[in-house]
Amino acid sequence: MIATGNDEFSRTLAERIGQFIIDADANSDRTMQKAIGPSEVGEPCERQLAYKIADWPESNDARDPIAAIIGTGFHLWIGEKFEARNTALGGQPSRYKVETRVTVRDSPIETARLTGSADLYDRLIRANLDWKLTGKSSLEKYRRQGPGDKYRVQAHLYGLGQENAGEHVDRVVIVFIARYHELIVHVWSEPYDRAVAETALARLDRIRDQWLALDPEQYPERWQQFPTPDKPNCRFCAYLKPGSTDLSTGCPGVQSASAGASLHSLIA
């Protein structure tokens, strides 16, 4: 958090408002959610997923919440607008399913159950849409390189959730909208493929089984056996703890042969 003001009163007020925002976000439903959601299943870092599966204590208290807060506000706003569009169109069933809970996979095993809130399903075009608010540079990266495995897996998992709810899903869609002073929208889509979702779920099960077999709670050194990707996004990981030599207390982030490269992995 950065808090500034033109005098001592203003600086103090800025700090208090900033801290209020941080505290309110820390106690929000989104932050308090413990179970893995569709947005996390495609995470390239298996160590991060293992921490999440084990409901391990988070160590990164330096994450800035403002981007997620802005994203939540946008989801609420656009959800209201599509609900209003449903009312204007009339008819039953409604064309749009807005912010609906879907079950991607049901299971008597709590850590194997996967549910989530799908942003928008359009019955007319048989497509599930997911909103992503990004910085302008990130949007350009997604435009050039595609959404990456994590977002792509999420899209197909929500497609599976809609299929399980009885909908016909032809395509999955990610709508990237830049947080910028002009409206920039980039849409990525592809045909829905149930196999993409099932492969991701099988990977999640493998990591869960590995955690149970290794028992890193009893043998902390075995956290090392959960691989990390070559190009991670450590900065936003809930389990990042720079300099940590004990993986049971947090992950130091991906290290490199060069100190500069290691630092880059944390701030990129």
Foldseek 3Di string as FASTA:
>chain_A
DDADDPDPVRSVVRVVVQVVVLVVVCPDPVNPDLADELLCLQAQFLLLLLCSLVSAAFDDPPDDCPQVVVVVVVLVVVLVVVVVVQVVVDDPPTQKDAQDKFWLDDDPDVNLTYIGTFGMAGQVVQEGEDEAEEAPVVVVVCVVPNDDRSVVLSQLSVVSRVVVVVGRHFKGKYWYFYPDPDTDIDMDMDGRDNVSNVVSSVVSVVSVVVCVVVVCVVVQVCSVVRDGDPQHQLQNRRQDDAPDPGPSNGDNADDDPDPVVRVVSNVD
